[in-house]
Amino acid sequence: MLPGMKVGWNLKTGLQRKLTSWKSADDPSPGGFSYRIDINVLPYMVLGVGVGKKVRSGPWNGLEFNGLNALDNSVYKAVFVANNDEVYALYESNNNKIISRLTLNHSGFLQRLVLKKGSSEWDELYSIPSELCENYGHCGANGIYRIGKLQICECLTGFTISCYAIWSL
């Protein structure tokens, strides 16, 4: 995804624009991961696996989608538009000395890559998910992810250990 490209919905035609991963590093056929906007209630960003969710943001707060690892930076500016015709997100470049792109790789990681003027190598600005706790539903219904604890998933008061199921990336 390059500056100005949309991820979202055309509400009049039903067209959905999303990023889709490759099947593997050397097979460009559609893979199992997508980056899209969910518009069922309040619009939010979803990094999905199949029809499910791997990571999701909160709603747009005027500057960014809450809960994603956004950085205060001079590289890009996030833009969100919601009107009667469309709901979409894009980004604009803030620095003409740096080229930025957003990629979704075959392993399900959304990466912001930057190329500085005069360089020939892309550097990673960030990757989502960056932590296990960002995986949507990792601890299951009524489960809480606890950073830094030996048992990372705990249940809400009144629930038992069966409230969560541990799965890996």
N, C-alpha and C. Protein backbone atom coordinates (compact mmCIF):
# COMPACT_ATOMS: atom_id res chain seq x y z
N MET A 1 0.86 -1.17 0.00
CA MET A 1 0.00 0.00 0.00
C MET A 1 0.90 1.22 0.00
N LEU A 2 0.69 2.07 -0.97
CA LEU A 2 1.47 3.29 -1.12
C LEU A 2 0.63 4.50 -0.70
N PRO A 3 1.28 5.66 -0.48
CA PRO A 3 0.52 6.86 -0.10
C PRO A 3 -0.63 7.11 -1.06
N GLY A 4 -1.80 7.43 -0.50
CA GLY A 4 -2.99 7.74 -1.30
C GLY A 4 -3.86 6.55 -1.64
N MET A 5 -3.37 5.32 -1.47
CA MET A 5 -4.18 4.13 -1.75
C MET A 5 -5.16 3.91 -0.61
N LYS A 6 -6.38 3.51 -0.95
CA LYS A 6 -7.46 3.34 0.03
C LYS A 6 -7.61 1.89 0.48
N VAL A 7 -7.94 1.74 1.77
CA VAL A 7 -8.42 0.48 2.32
C VAL A 7 -9.80 0.82 2.87
N GLY A 8 -10.84 0.14 2.40
CA GLY A 8 -12.17 0.46 2.89
C GLY A 8 -13.26 0.03 1.94
N TRP A 9 -14.39 0.74 2.01
CA TRP A 9 -15.60 0.35 1.29
C TRP A 9 -16.16 1.49 0.46
N ASN A 10 -16.63 1.18 -0.73
CA ASN A 10 -17.48 2.06 -1.50
C ASN A 10 -18.90 1.62 -1.14
N LEU A 11 -19.63 2.44 -0.40
CA LEU A 11 -20.95 2.06 0.10
C LEU A 11 -22.02 2.01 -0.98
N LYS A 12 -21.80 2.70 -2.07
CA LYS A 12 -22.78 2.70 -3.17
C LYS A 12 -22.68 1.43 -4.02
N THR A 13 -21.45 0.97 -4.28
CA THR A 13 -21.26 -0.20 -5.14
C THR A 13 -20.99 -1.49 -4.36
N GLY A 14 -20.62 -1.35 -3.07
CA GLY A 14 -20.28 -2.53 -2.28
C GLY A 14 -18.84 -3.00 -2.47
N LEU A 15 -18.05 -2.26 -3.25
CA LEU A 15 -16.65 -2.62 -3.48
C LEU A 15 -15.84 -2.48 -2.20
N GLN A 16 -15.12 -3.55 -1.85
CA GLN A 16 -14.23 -3.51 -0.69
C GLN A 16 -12.78 -3.49 -1.18
N ARG A 17 -12.02 -2.54 -0.66
CA ARG A 17 -10.59 -2.48 -0.96
C ARG A 17 -9.84 -2.94 0.29
N LYS A 18 -8.96 -3.92 0.12
CA LYS A 18 -8.20 -4.44 1.25
C LYS A 18 -6.86 -4.94 0.76
N LEU A 19 -5.93 -5.09 1.69
CA LEU A 19 -4.66 -5.73 1.38
C LEU A 19 -4.84 -7.22 1.60
N THR A 20 -4.27 -8.02 0.73
CA THR A 20 -4.30 -9.47 0.88
C THR A 20 -2.86 -9.98 0.77
N SER A 21 -2.51 -10.88 1.66
CA SER A 21 -1.15 -11.43 1.64
C SER A 21 -0.96 -12.38 0.47
N TRP A 22 0.30 -12.62 0.14
CA TRP A 22 0.64 -13.69 -0.80
C TRP A 22 0.48 -15.01 -0.07
N LYS A 23 0.36 -16.09 -0.82
CA LYS A 23 0.25 -17.43 -0.25
C LYS A 23 1.56 -17.84 0.43
N SER A 24 2.70 -17.49 -0.17
CA SER A 24 4.01 -17.74 0.42
C SER A 24 4.98 -16.70 -0.13
N ALA A 25 6.20 -16.72 0.34
CA ALA A 25 7.18 -15.72 -0.09
C ALA A 25 7.42 -15.74 -1.60
N ASP A 26 7.23 -16.89 -2.23
CA ASP A 26 7.48 -16.98 -3.67
C ASP A 26 6.23 -17.36 -4.48
N ASP A 27 5.05 -17.28 -3.86
CA ASP A 27 3.80 -17.58 -4.54
C ASP A 27 2.84 -16.40 -4.37
N PRO A 28 2.68 -15.56 -5.42
CA PRO A 28 1.85 -14.36 -5.27
C PRO A 28 0.34 -14.59 -5.34
N SER A 29 -0.10 -15.84 -5.39
CA SER A 29 -1.54 -16.07 -5.36
C SER A 29 -2.08 -15.66 -3.99
N PRO A 30 -3.37 -15.32 -3.89
CA PRO A 30 -3.92 -14.81 -2.63
C PRO A 30 -3.68 -15.75 -1.45
N GLY A 31 -3.19 -15.16 -0.36
CA GLY A 31 -2.93 -15.91 0.86
C GLY A 31 -4.08 -15.81 1.83
N GLY A 32 -3.85 -16.24 3.05
CA GLY A 32 -4.90 -16.32 4.05
C GLY A 32 -5.09 -15.10 4.92
N PHE A 33 -4.28 -14.05 4.75
CA PHE A 33 -4.35 -12.88 5.62
C PHE A 33 -4.85 -11.66 4.85
N SER A 34 -5.56 -10.78 5.56
CA SER A 34 -6.03 -9.54 4.94
C SER A 34 -5.98 -8.41 5.95
N TYR A 35 -5.90 -7.19 5.43
CA TYR A 35 -5.96 -5.97 6.23
C TYR A 35 -7.11 -5.17 5.65
N ARG A 36 -8.12 -4.92 6.48
CA ARG A 36 -9.36 -4.35 5.97
C ARG A 36 -10.06 -3.51 7.04
N ILE A 37 -11.11 -2.82 6.63
CA ILE A 37 -11.94 -2.07 7.57
C ILE A 37 -13.22 -2.86 7.81
N ASP A 38 -13.58 -3.03 9.07
CA ASP A 38 -14.86 -3.63 9.44
C ASP A 38 -15.80 -2.47 9.71
N ILE A 39 -16.96 -2.47 9.06
CA ILE A 39 -17.90 -1.34 9.19
C ILE A 39 -19.23 -1.78 9.82
N ASN A 40 -19.26 -2.93 10.50
CA ASN A 40 -20.52 -3.43 11.06
C ASN A 40 -21.10 -2.53 12.14
N VAL A 41 -20.29 -1.93 12.98
CA VAL A 41 -20.79 -0.99 13.99
C VAL A 41 -20.01 0.31 13.78
N LEU A 42 -19.02 0.58 14.62
CA LEU A 42 -18.10 1.69 14.37
C LEU A 42 -16.97 1.14 13.52
N PRO A 43 -16.54 1.86 12.49
CA PRO A 43 -15.45 1.35 11.65
C PRO A 43 -14.16 1.16 12.45
N TYR A 44 -13.49 0.04 12.22
CA TYR A 44 -12.18 -0.22 12.82
C TYR A 44 -11.38 -1.09 11.86
N MET A 45 -10.08 -1.08 12.04
CA MET A 45 -9.17 -1.84 11.18
C MET A 45 -9.03 -3.26 11.71
N VAL A 46 -8.94 -4.21 10.78
CA VAL A 46 -8.79 -5.62 11.14
C VAL A 46 -7.64 -6.22 10.34
N LEU A 47 -6.75 -6.87 11.04
CA LEU A 47 -5.77 -7.74 10.42
C LEU A 47 -6.37 -9.13 10.58
N GLY A 48 -6.85 -9.69 9.47
CA GLY A 48 -7.62 -10.92 9.55
C GLY A 48 -6.89 -12.13 9.03
N VAL A 49 -7.34 -13.28 9.52
CA VAL A 49 -6.90 -14.56 9.00
C VAL A 49 -8.17 -15.28 8.57
N GLY A 50 -8.28 -15.56 7.26
CA GLY A 50 -9.53 -16.08 6.73
C GLY A 50 -10.62 -15.06 6.96
N VAL A 51 -11.76 -15.49 7.49
CA VAL A 51 -12.84 -14.55 7.80
C VAL A 51 -12.75 -14.06 9.24
N GLY A 52 -11.80 -14.61 10.03
CA GLY A 52 -11.65 -14.24 11.43
C GLY A 52 -10.72 -13.05 11.62
N LYS A 53 -10.53 -12.69 12.89
CA LYS A 53 -9.70 -11.55 13.26
C LYS A 53 -8.44 -12.05 13.97
N LYS A 54 -7.31 -11.51 13.56
CA LYS A 54 -6.04 -11.79 14.24
C LYS A 54 -5.71 -10.64 15.17
N VAL A 55 -5.83 -9.41 14.65
CA VAL A 55 -5.61 -8.18 15.41
C VAL A 55 -6.67 -7.20 14.97
N ARG A 56 -7.19 -6.41 15.90
CA ARG A 56 -8.13 -5.37 15.52
C ARG A 56 -7.82 -4.10 16.29
N SER A 57 -8.18 -3.00 15.68
CA SER A 57 -7.98 -1.70 16.33
C SER A 57 -9.26 -1.32 17.07
N GLY A 58 -9.18 -0.20 17.72
CA GLY A 58 -10.37 0.45 18.21
C GLY A 58 -10.86 1.40 17.13
N PRO A 59 -11.86 2.22 17.43
CA PRO A 59 -12.37 3.15 16.42
C PRO A 59 -11.41 4.32 16.19
N TRP A 60 -11.65 5.06 15.14
CA TRP A 60 -10.88 6.25 14.79
C TRP A 60 -11.10 7.32 15.85
N ASN A 61 -10.02 7.94 16.34
CA ASN A 61 -10.14 8.96 17.38
C ASN A 61 -9.88 10.37 16.86
N GLY A 62 -9.78 10.51 15.55
CA GLY A 62 -9.51 11.81 14.96
C GLY A 62 -8.08 11.93 14.45
N LEU A 63 -7.18 11.09 14.98
CA LEU A 63 -5.79 11.10 14.56
C LEU A 63 -5.32 9.73 14.06
N GLU A 64 -5.90 8.68 14.65
CA GLU A 64 -5.49 7.32 14.33
C GLU A 64 -6.57 6.35 14.80
N PHE A 65 -6.43 5.09 14.41
CA PHE A 65 -7.31 4.06 14.96
C PHE A 65 -6.73 3.64 16.30
N ASN A 66 -7.52 3.77 17.38
CA ASN A 66 -7.05 3.41 18.72
C ASN A 66 -6.55 1.98 18.77
N GLY A 67 -5.51 1.77 19.56
CA GLY A 67 -5.05 0.42 19.85
C GLY A 67 -4.03 -0.15 18.89
N LEU A 68 -3.79 0.48 17.77
CA LEU A 68 -2.74 -0.01 16.87
C LEU A 68 -1.44 0.67 17.26
N ASN A 69 -0.34 0.00 16.98
CA ASN A 69 0.97 0.52 17.32
C ASN A 69 1.36 1.67 16.41
N ALA A 70 0.62 2.74 16.47
CA ALA A 70 0.96 3.90 15.66
C ALA A 70 2.09 4.66 16.34
N LEU A 71 2.89 5.30 15.54
CA LEU A 71 4.02 6.05 16.07
C LEU A 71 3.83 7.52 15.79
N ASP A 72 4.27 8.34 16.75
CA ASP A 72 4.32 9.77 16.50
C ASP A 72 5.53 9.99 15.61
N ASN A 73 5.30 10.25 14.35
CA ASN A 73 6.43 10.32 13.43
C ASN A 73 6.21 11.39 12.38
N SER A 74 7.26 11.63 11.63
CA SER A 74 7.18 12.62 10.55
C SER A 74 7.15 11.94 9.19
N VAL A 75 7.00 10.61 9.16
CA VAL A 75 7.04 9.86 7.91
C VAL A 75 5.70 9.89 7.18
N TYR A 76 4.60 9.67 7.90
CA TYR A 76 3.30 9.60 7.25
C TYR A 76 2.22 10.16 8.17
N LYS A 77 1.07 10.47 7.55
CA LYS A 77 -0.10 10.94 8.28
C LYS A 77 -1.26 10.02 7.92
N ALA A 78 -1.93 9.47 8.93
CA ALA A 78 -3.10 8.63 8.70
C ALA A 78 -4.31 9.52 8.39
N VAL A 79 -5.15 9.05 7.48
CA VAL A 79 -6.36 9.77 7.08
C VAL A 79 -7.52 8.77 7.12
N PHE A 80 -8.66 9.22 7.65
CA PHE A 80 -9.86 8.39 7.67
C PHE A 80 -11.02 9.21 7.14
N VAL A 81 -11.80 8.63 6.23
CA VAL A 81 -12.95 9.31 5.64
C VAL A 81 -14.17 8.41 5.78
N ALA A 82 -15.25 8.98 6.30
CA ALA A 82 -16.53 8.26 6.39
C ALA A 82 -17.63 9.23 5.98
N ASN A 83 -18.32 8.90 4.88
CA ASN A 83 -19.44 9.71 4.42
C ASN A 83 -20.49 8.78 3.83
N ASN A 84 -21.49 9.32 3.17
CA ASN A 84 -22.57 8.50 2.61
C ASN A 84 -22.10 7.60 1.47
N ASP A 85 -21.00 7.96 0.83
CA ASP A 85 -20.51 7.20 -0.32
C ASP A 85 -19.43 6.19 0.02
N GLU A 86 -18.53 6.54 0.95
CA GLU A 86 -17.36 5.71 1.22
C GLU A 86 -16.98 5.72 2.69
N VAL A 87 -16.30 4.64 3.10
CA VAL A 87 -15.62 4.56 4.39
C VAL A 87 -14.25 3.99 4.07
N TYR A 88 -13.21 4.78 4.30
CA TYR A 88 -11.88 4.28 3.95
C TYR A 88 -10.79 4.95 4.79
N ALA A 89 -9.64 4.30 4.81
CA ALA A 89 -8.44 4.83 5.44
C ALA A 89 -7.33 4.85 4.40
N LEU A 90 -6.44 5.79 4.54
CA LEU A 90 -5.26 5.86 3.69
C LEU A 90 -4.19 6.57 4.49
N TYR A 91 -3.02 6.67 3.91
CA TYR A 91 -1.99 7.49 4.54
C TYR A 91 -1.36 8.39 3.50
N GLU A 92 -0.86 9.52 3.98
CA GLU A 92 -0.19 10.48 3.12
C GLU A 92 1.25 10.62 3.60
N SER A 93 2.13 10.89 2.68
CA SER A 93 3.54 11.07 3.01
C SER A 93 3.75 12.44 3.65
N ASN A 94 4.54 12.49 4.69
CA ASN A 94 4.88 13.75 5.36
C ASN A 94 6.30 14.20 5.07
N ASN A 95 7.07 13.37 4.36
CA ASN A 95 8.48 13.65 4.20
C ASN A 95 8.91 13.21 2.80
N ASN A 96 9.30 14.16 1.96
CA ASN A 96 9.68 13.79 0.60
C ASN A 96 11.07 13.16 0.50
N LYS A 97 11.77 13.03 1.62
CA LYS A 97 13.07 12.36 1.63
C LYS A 97 12.96 10.89 2.03
N ILE A 98 11.72 10.49 2.38
CA ILE A 98 11.49 9.10 2.81
C ILE A 98 10.28 8.55 2.07
N ILE A 99 10.43 7.37 1.49
CA ILE A 99 9.31 6.67 0.85
C ILE A 99 8.81 5.64 1.85
N SER A 100 7.50 5.57 2.01
CA SER A 100 6.90 4.63 2.96
C SER A 100 5.92 3.72 2.23
N ARG A 101 5.87 2.47 2.65
CA ARG A 101 4.87 1.54 2.13
C ARG A 101 4.40 0.64 3.26
N LEU A 102 3.17 0.16 3.14
CA LEU A 102 2.59 -0.76 4.11
C LEU A 102 2.42 -2.09 3.40
N THR A 103 2.96 -3.16 3.98
CA THR A 103 2.87 -4.48 3.36
C THR A 103 2.25 -5.46 4.33
N LEU A 104 1.60 -6.46 3.78
CA LEU A 104 1.06 -7.57 4.56
C LEU A 104 1.75 -8.82 4.04
N ASN A 105 2.63 -9.40 4.86
CA ASN A 105 3.40 -10.53 4.34
C ASN A 105 2.65 -11.85 4.50
N HIS A 106 3.20 -12.90 3.92
CA HIS A 106 2.55 -14.21 3.90
C HIS A 106 2.43 -14.85 5.28
N SER A 107 3.16 -14.32 6.27
CA SER A 107 3.08 -14.84 7.64
C SER A 107 2.05 -14.09 8.49
N GLY A 108 1.39 -13.09 7.90
CA GLY A 108 0.35 -12.37 8.61
C GLY A 108 0.83 -11.16 9.39
N PHE A 109 1.99 -10.63 9.04
CA PHE A 109 2.49 -9.43 9.72
C PHE A 109 2.31 -8.22 8.81
N LEU A 110 1.70 -7.18 9.36
CA LEU A 110 1.53 -5.92 8.68
C LEU A 110 2.77 -5.09 9.01
N GLN A 111 3.50 -4.65 7.99
CA GLN A 111 4.75 -3.95 8.23
C GLN A 111 4.76 -2.60 7.54
N ARG A 112 5.20 -1.58 8.27
CA ARG A 112 5.44 -0.27 7.69
C ARG A 112 6.94 -0.23 7.38
N LEU A 113 7.25 -0.12 6.09
CA LEU A 113 8.64 -0.09 5.63
C LEU A 113 8.97 1.29 5.09
N VAL A 114 10.20 1.74 5.31
CA VAL A 114 10.63 3.05 4.85
C VAL A 114 11.94 2.93 4.08
N LEU A 115 12.06 3.76 3.07
CA LEU A 115 13.27 3.82 2.26
C LEU A 115 13.73 5.27 2.27
N LYS A 116 14.91 5.50 2.85
CA LYS A 116 15.44 6.86 2.92
C LYS A 116 16.11 7.22 1.61
N LYS A 117 16.02 8.49 1.24
CA LYS A 117 16.62 8.97 0.00
C LYS A 117 18.10 8.60 -0.04
N GLY A 118 18.51 7.98 -1.14
CA GLY A 118 19.91 7.57 -1.29
C GLY A 118 20.20 6.16 -0.80
N SER A 119 19.24 5.54 -0.10
CA SER A 119 19.43 4.19 0.41
C SER A 119 18.86 3.18 -0.58
N SER A 120 19.33 1.95 -0.50
CA SER A 120 18.79 0.89 -1.36
C SER A 120 18.12 -0.21 -0.54
N GLU A 121 18.02 0.01 0.78
CA GLU A 121 17.41 -1.01 1.65
C GLU A 121 16.21 -0.44 2.39
N TRP A 122 15.14 -1.24 2.43
CA TRP A 122 13.95 -0.87 3.18
C TRP A 122 14.18 -1.19 4.65
N ASP A 123 13.82 -0.27 5.54
CA ASP A 123 13.89 -0.48 6.99
C ASP A 123 12.48 -0.61 7.54
N GLU A 124 12.32 -1.45 8.56
CA GLU A 124 11.01 -1.62 9.18
C GLU A 124 10.80 -0.53 10.23
N LEU A 125 9.72 0.23 10.07
CA LEU A 125 9.36 1.24 11.06
C LEU A 125 8.58 0.59 12.20
N TYR A 126 7.64 -0.31 11.85
CA TYR A 126 6.93 -1.11 12.85
C TYR A 126 6.31 -2.32 12.18
N SER A 127 5.89 -3.27 13.02
CA SER A 127 5.22 -4.48 12.55
C SER A 127 4.06 -4.78 13.49
N ILE A 128 2.94 -5.23 12.94
CA ILE A 128 1.77 -5.60 13.73
C ILE A 128 1.39 -7.02 13.36
N PRO A 129 1.20 -7.93 14.31
CA PRO A 129 1.33 -7.71 15.75
C PRO A 129 2.80 -7.67 16.16
N SER A 130 3.07 -6.86 17.16
CA SER A 130 4.43 -6.78 17.69
C SER A 130 4.53 -7.55 19.00
N GLU A 131 3.39 -7.82 19.61
CA GLU A 131 3.35 -8.58 20.85
C GLU A 131 2.21 -9.60 20.78
N LEU A 132 2.39 -10.69 21.48
CA LEU A 132 1.39 -11.75 21.50
C LEU A 132 0.03 -11.24 21.96
N CYS A 133 0.01 -10.28 22.89
CA CYS A 133 -1.26 -9.80 23.43
C CYS A 133 -2.08 -9.02 22.41
N GLU A 134 -1.47 -8.63 21.28
CA GLU A 134 -2.23 -7.94 20.25
C GLU A 134 -3.10 -8.87 19.44
N ASN A 135 -2.87 -10.17 19.54
CA ASN A 135 -3.67 -11.13 18.79
C ASN A 135 -5.09 -11.17 19.35
N TYR A 136 -6.04 -10.86 18.50
CA TYR A 136 -7.44 -10.77 18.88
C TYR A 136 -7.93 -12.09 19.48
N GLY A 137 -8.51 -12.03 20.67
CA GLY A 137 -9.10 -13.21 21.29
C GLY A 137 -8.10 -14.23 21.79
N HIS A 138 -6.84 -13.85 21.96
CA HIS A 138 -5.81 -14.82 22.35
C HIS A 138 -6.18 -15.57 23.64
N CYS A 139 -6.74 -14.86 24.59
CA CYS A 139 -7.09 -15.49 25.86
C CYS A 139 -8.55 -15.93 25.92
N GLY A 140 -9.26 -15.84 24.80
CA GLY A 140 -10.62 -16.33 24.73
C GLY A 140 -11.62 -15.38 25.34
N ALA A 141 -12.88 -15.80 25.29
CA ALA A 141 -13.96 -14.99 25.87
C ALA A 141 -13.76 -14.87 27.37
N ASN A 142 -13.90 -13.67 27.90
CA ASN A 142 -13.77 -13.39 29.33
C ASN A 142 -12.37 -13.63 29.87
N GLY A 143 -11.39 -13.66 28.99
CA GLY A 143 -9.99 -13.82 29.39
C GLY A 143 -9.25 -12.51 29.32
N ILE A 144 -8.21 -12.38 30.16
CA ILE A 144 -7.39 -11.17 30.22
C ILE A 144 -5.95 -11.56 29.97
N TYR A 145 -5.27 -10.83 29.10
CA TYR A 145 -3.85 -11.05 28.84
C TYR A 145 -3.05 -10.25 29.86
N ARG A 146 -2.13 -10.89 30.55
CA ARG A 146 -1.32 -10.24 31.58
C ARG A 146 0.15 -10.26 31.16
N ILE A 147 0.66 -9.10 30.76
CA ILE A 147 2.05 -8.99 30.34
C ILE A 147 2.96 -9.23 31.54
N GLY A 148 4.02 -10.00 31.33
CA GLY A 148 5.02 -10.22 32.37
C GLY A 148 4.68 -11.29 33.39
N LYS A 149 3.60 -11.99 33.22
CA LYS A 149 3.25 -13.07 34.15
C LYS A 149 3.57 -14.40 33.51
N LEU A 150 3.89 -15.40 34.34
CA LEU A 150 4.20 -16.73 33.84
C LEU A 150 3.01 -17.32 33.10
N GLN A 151 1.84 -17.24 33.72
CA GLN A 151 0.61 -17.66 33.04
C GLN A 151 0.00 -16.39 32.46
N ILE A 152 0.14 -16.21 31.14
CA ILE A 152 -0.21 -14.93 30.53
C ILE A 152 -1.70 -14.67 30.43
N CYS A 153 -2.51 -15.73 30.43
CA CYS A 153 -3.96 -15.56 30.34
C CYS A 153 -4.59 -15.82 31.70
N GLU A 154 -5.44 -14.90 32.11
CA GLU A 154 -6.21 -15.06 33.34
C GLU A 154 -7.67 -14.83 33.02
N CYS A 155 -8.53 -15.33 33.88
CA CYS A 155 -9.97 -15.16 33.67
C CYS A 155 -10.50 -13.99 34.50
N LEU A 156 -11.54 -13.38 34.00
CA LEU A 156 -12.23 -12.37 34.78
C LEU A 156 -12.80 -13.02 36.03
N THR A 157 -13.01 -12.24 37.06
CA THR A 157 -13.57 -12.75 38.32
C THR A 157 -14.89 -13.46 38.05
N GLY A 158 -15.02 -14.65 38.59
CA GLY A 158 -16.24 -15.43 38.43
C GLY A 158 -16.17 -16.44 37.29
N PHE A 159 -15.09 -16.42 36.51
CA PHE A 159 -14.93 -17.37 35.41
C PHE A 159 -13.81 -18.35 35.74
N THR A 160 -13.84 -19.50 35.10
CA THR A 160 -12.83 -20.53 35.36
C THR A 160 -11.82 -20.58 34.22
N ILE A 161 -10.80 -21.40 34.40
CA ILE A 161 -9.72 -21.50 33.43
C ILE A 161 -10.21 -21.89 32.03
N SER A 162 -11.37 -22.44 31.92
CA SER A 162 -11.88 -22.80 30.60
C SER A 162 -12.34 -21.57 29.80
N CYS A 163 -12.21 -20.38 30.38
CA CYS A 163 -12.65 -19.17 29.67
C CYS A 163 -11.70 -18.83 28.53
N TYR A 164 -10.52 -19.43 28.46
CA TYR A 164 -9.62 -19.11 27.38
C TYR A 164 -8.99 -20.35 26.79
N ALA A 165 -8.54 -20.19 25.59
CA ALA A 165 -7.81 -21.25 24.90
C ALA A 165 -6.55 -20.63 24.34
N ILE A 166 -5.42 -21.18 24.68
CA ILE A 166 -4.14 -20.63 24.21
C ILE A 166 -3.85 -21.20 22.84
N TRP A 167 -3.53 -20.33 21.92
CA TRP A 167 -3.14 -20.74 20.59
C TRP A 167 -1.93 -19.92 20.19
N SER A 168 -1.21 -20.35 19.23
CA SER A 168 0.01 -19.65 18.83
C SER A 168 -0.19 -18.97 17.49
N LEU A 169 0.77 -18.10 17.18
CA LEU A 169 0.73 -17.39 15.90
C LEU A 169 0.88 -18.35 14.75
